């Protein structure tokens, strides 16, 4: 597929944009990234991980202290409570983050998208995490007409080979940032939208 060829050419090695050192710290970082930029998450996690880079140490910290550390990220009060509860749940389960869908999605503050990122990037399990940005690109490029991320995820999994999923979602994130932003985007100049988007889509987005 031509879109895959373009993404592979631009991002042959797409790094994980969230700083982490193991499955647990990746899980924490992905939780914090909801409605927050990866840049902001990477600014607050060093201080958090300095005192709580394991569930055992996270449960020793008061929620108010966790909140003080992460207060600059979106939804900080809720995330602080969830981080503490999540650490408790992991300890109750044995103390480690496991590559198990049911386990991950049972944790406080962890939805399917967050679990997908951890499964894909921490454990190498094929997954296609879809956030609002990937949802937007899939619609622009005519890859999905899904009204929600669940439908878009199914569509993208059907289009791209399973062995590309773990890198493809990262490539789409980086492409969106560099070439295909949500606002003030000229679809005619985009390396993918310029030929993949329908005229109807172009007219709708560019106000013509």
Protein backbone atom coordinates (compact mmCIF):
# COMPACT_ATOMS: atom_id res chain seq x y z
CA UNK A 1 0.00 0.00 0.00
CA UNK A 2 1.39 3.39 -1.03
CA UNK A 3 0.63 5.03 2.33
CA UNK A 4 2.67 2.36 4.10
CA UNK A 5 5.56 2.88 1.65
CA UNK A 6 5.55 6.64 2.35
CA UNK A 7 5.51 6.12 6.12
CA UNK A 8 8.28 3.51 5.94
CA UNK A 9 10.37 5.88 3.85
CA UNK A 10 9.94 8.80 6.22
CA UNK A 11 10.18 6.86 9.49
CA UNK A 12 12.10 3.60 9.02
CA UNK A 13 12.74 3.55 12.76
CA UNK A 14 9.93 5.27 14.65
CA UNK A 15 10.93 5.74 18.30
CA UNK A 16 8.50 5.62 21.20
CA UNK A 17 7.92 9.32 22.01
CA UNK A 18 7.41 8.76 25.75
CA UNK A 19 10.50 8.37 27.93
CA UNK A 20 10.47 5.15 29.95
CA UNK A 21 12.72 2.29 31.01
CA UNK A 22 10.39 -0.70 31.44
CA UNK A 23 6.75 -1.77 31.02
CA UNK A 24 5.66 -0.12 34.28
CA UNK A 25 7.15 3.31 33.54
CA UNK A 26 5.77 3.12 29.99
CA UNK A 27 2.32 2.35 31.40
CA UNK A 28 2.54 5.36 33.72
CA UNK A 29 3.71 7.64 30.91
CA UNK A 30 0.95 6.52 28.54
CA UNK A 31 -1.66 7.08 31.27
CA UNK A 32 -0.36 10.61 31.77
CA UNK A 33 -0.40 11.35 28.04
CA UNK A 34 -4.20 11.47 27.71
CA UNK A 35 -5.20 15.05 26.76
CA UNK A 36 -1.56 16.08 27.24
CA UNK A 37 1.39 16.39 24.88
CA UNK A 38 4.17 13.81 25.00
CA UNK A 39 6.57 16.70 25.53
CA UNK A 40 4.79 17.73 28.73
CA UNK A 41 4.66 14.14 29.97
CA UNK A 42 8.41 13.80 29.43
CA UNK A 43 8.89 16.96 31.47
CA UNK A 44 7.05 15.67 34.54
CA UNK A 45 7.97 11.98 34.60
CA UNK A 46 11.65 12.35 35.59
CA UNK A 47 10.67 13.81 38.97
CA UNK A 48 7.93 11.22 39.40
CA UNK A 49 10.16 8.28 38.46
CA UNK A 50 12.93 9.56 40.71
CA UNK A 51 10.78 8.70 43.71
CA UNK A 52 8.33 6.17 42.27
CA UNK A 53 9.56 4.12 39.33
CA UNK A 54 8.02 0.91 40.71
CA UNK A 55 4.53 0.09 42.02
CA UNK A 56 6.05 -0.58 45.47
CA UNK A 57 7.28 3.00 45.73
CA UNK A 58 4.18 4.56 44.13
CA UNK A 59 1.88 3.17 46.81
CA UNK A 60 4.05 4.78 49.49
CA UNK A 61 3.30 8.27 48.17
CA UNK A 62 0.24 10.28 49.11
CA UNK A 63 -2.10 11.11 46.23
CA UNK A 64 -1.61 14.82 46.95
CA UNK A 65 2.12 14.49 46.38
CA UNK A 66 1.61 12.59 43.13
CA UNK A 67 -0.78 15.33 42.04
CA UNK A 68 1.73 18.04 42.89
CA UNK A 69 4.32 16.36 40.67
CA UNK A 70 2.01 15.84 37.69
CA UNK A 71 -0.18 18.93 38.14
CA UNK A 72 0.80 20.39 34.75
CA UNK A 73 -0.73 17.51 32.79
CA UNK A 74 -4.38 17.39 31.85
CA UNK A 75 -6.81 15.72 34.27
CA UNK A 76 -4.08 15.63 36.92
CA UNK A 77 -6.34 15.03 39.97
CA UNK A 78 -7.95 11.96 38.40
CA UNK A 79 -4.65 10.67 37.06
CA UNK A 80 -2.99 11.00 40.47
CA UNK A 81 -5.68 8.85 42.09
CA UNK A 82 -5.51 6.33 39.27
CA UNK A 83 -1.72 6.05 39.47
CA UNK A 84 -1.88 5.21 43.15
CA UNK A 85 -4.74 2.73 42.70
CA UNK A 86 -3.09 1.16 39.66
CA UNK A 87 0.08 0.53 41.64
CA UNK A 88 -1.98 -1.15 44.36
CA UNK A 89 -3.69 -3.37 41.80
CA UNK A 90 -0.37 -4.41 40.26
CA UNK A 91 0.99 -5.34 43.68
CA UNK A 92 -2.17 -7.30 44.46
CA UNK A 93 -1.60 -9.21 41.21
CA UNK A 94 2.02 -10.07 42.00
CA UNK A 95 3.94 -6.87 41.41
CA UNK A 96 4.65 -6.88 37.67
CA UNK A 97 3.00 -5.44 34.56
CA UNK A 98 2.00 -8.49 32.54
CA UNK A 99 1.32 -8.78 28.78
CA UNK A 100 -2.32 -9.67 29.34
CA UNK A 101 -5.17 -7.66 27.84
CA UNK A 102 -7.69 -8.44 30.55
CA UNK A 103 -5.21 -7.61 33.31
CA UNK A 104 -4.11 -4.32 31.77
CA UNK A 105 -7.63 -3.11 30.99
CA UNK A 106 -8.71 -3.91 34.56
CA UNK A 107 -6.24 -1.38 35.98
CA UNK A 108 -7.46 2.02 37.17
CA UNK A 109 -7.24 4.63 34.44
CA UNK A 110 -6.21 2.13 31.76
CA UNK A 111 -8.40 1.83 28.70
CA UNK A 112 -7.98 -0.17 25.51
CA UNK A 113 -5.75 2.42 23.82
CA UNK A 114 -3.34 2.60 26.76
CA UNK A 115 -3.26 -1.19 27.04
CA UNK A 116 -2.58 -1.40 23.29
CA UNK A 117 0.45 0.87 23.52
CA UNK A 118 1.91 -1.17 26.39
CA UNK A 119 1.24 -4.48 24.67
CA UNK A 120 2.80 -3.24 21.42
CA UNK A 121 5.77 -1.25 22.67
CA UNK A 122 6.68 -2.99 25.91
CA UNK A 123 5.96 -6.58 24.93
CA UNK A 124 5.96 -6.66 21.13
CA UNK A 125 2.42 -8.01 20.92
CA UNK A 126 0.75 -6.88 17.66
CA UNK A 127 -1.64 -4.04 18.43
CA UNK A 128 -2.82 -0.87 16.70
CA UNK A 129 -3.42 1.85 19.31
CA UNK A 130 -5.75 4.49 17.89
CA UNK A 131 -5.98 7.91 19.49
CA UNK A 132 -7.84 10.96 18.21
CA UNK A 133 -4.89 11.93 15.98
CA UNK A 134 -4.68 8.56 14.20
CA UNK A 135 -8.49 8.54 13.99
CA UNK A 136 -8.32 11.89 12.19
CA UNK A 137 -5.62 10.76 9.74
CA UNK A 138 -7.44 7.53 8.91
CA UNK A 139 -10.53 9.55 8.02
CA UNK A 140 -8.59 12.08 5.94
CA UNK A 141 -6.84 9.35 4.01
CA UNK A 142 -10.00 7.40 3.32
CA UNK A 143 -8.85 4.41 5.37
CA UNK A 144 -11.84 4.44 7.68
CA UNK A 145 -15.28 5.98 7.90
CA UNK A 146 -15.53 4.99 11.54
CA UNK A 147 -17.28 7.41 13.86
CA UNK A 148 -15.24 6.15 16.79
CA UNK A 149 -11.71 4.91 17.48
CA UNK A 150 -12.91 1.32 17.92
CA UNK A 151 -14.20 1.13 14.34
CA UNK A 152 -11.10 2.92 13.04
CA UNK A 153 -8.87 0.42 14.83
CA UNK A 154 -10.67 -2.49 13.18
CA UNK A 155 -10.40 -0.85 9.77
CA UNK A 156 -6.67 -0.12 10.09
CA UNK A 157 -5.95 -3.65 11.29
CA UNK A 158 -7.74 -4.96 8.20
CA UNK A 159 -5.73 -2.73 5.87
CA UNK A 160 -2.17 -3.01 7.20
CA UNK A 161 -0.30 -6.32 7.64
CA UNK A 162 -0.14 -7.45 11.26
CA UNK A 163 3.65 -7.32 11.32
CA UNK A 164 3.53 -3.55 10.64
CA UNK A 165 0.99 -2.58 13.30
CA UNK A 166 3.42 -1.78 16.11
CA UNK A 167 5.49 0.57 13.99
CA UNK A 168 2.67 1.89 11.80
CA UNK A 169 0.78 3.62 14.60
CA UNK A 170 3.98 5.40 15.69
CA UNK A 171 4.72 6.43 12.11
CA UNK A 172 1.23 7.88 11.79
CA UNK A 173 1.70 9.88 15.00
CA UNK A 174 4.96 11.39 13.76
CA UNK A 175 3.53 12.05 10.29
CA UNK A 176 0.56 13.84 11.81
CA UNK A 177 2.84 16.10 13.80
CA UNK A 178 5.16 16.94 10.92
CA UNK A 179 2.94 16.93 7.86
CA UNK A 180 -0.72 16.54 8.73
CA UNK A 181 -1.78 18.70 11.72
CA UNK A 182 -5.38 19.06 12.81
CA UNK A 183 -5.61 22.80 12.16
CA UNK A 184 -4.52 25.10 9.34
CA UNK A 185 -3.60 22.17 7.14
CA UNK A 186 -3.48 22.52 3.35
CA UNK A 187 -4.48 19.05 2.23
CA UNK A 188 -3.29 19.84 -1.31
CA UNK A 189 0.30 20.15 -0.07
CA UNK A 190 0.30 17.09 2.20
CA UNK A 191 2.41 14.11 1.00
CA UNK A 192 -0.55 11.80 1.62
CA UNK A 193 -3.73 13.90 1.79
CA UNK A 194 -2.90 15.49 -1.59
CA UNK A 195 -3.74 12.24 -3.39
CA UNK A 196 -5.53 10.10 -0.80
CA UNK A 197 -8.19 12.55 0.43
CA UNK A 198 -11.41 12.88 -1.54
CA UNK A 199 -12.38 16.19 -3.09
CA UNK A 200 -15.32 16.27 -0.71
CA UNK A 201 -12.98 15.92 2.25
CA UNK A 202 -10.66 18.62 0.91
CA UNK A 203 -13.55 21.02 0.39
CA UNK A 204 -14.92 20.35 3.86
CA UNK A 205 -11.60 20.92 5.64
CA UNK A 206 -10.44 23.83 3.54
CA UNK A 207 -13.75 25.67 3.61
CA UNK A 208 -14.50 25.58 -0.11
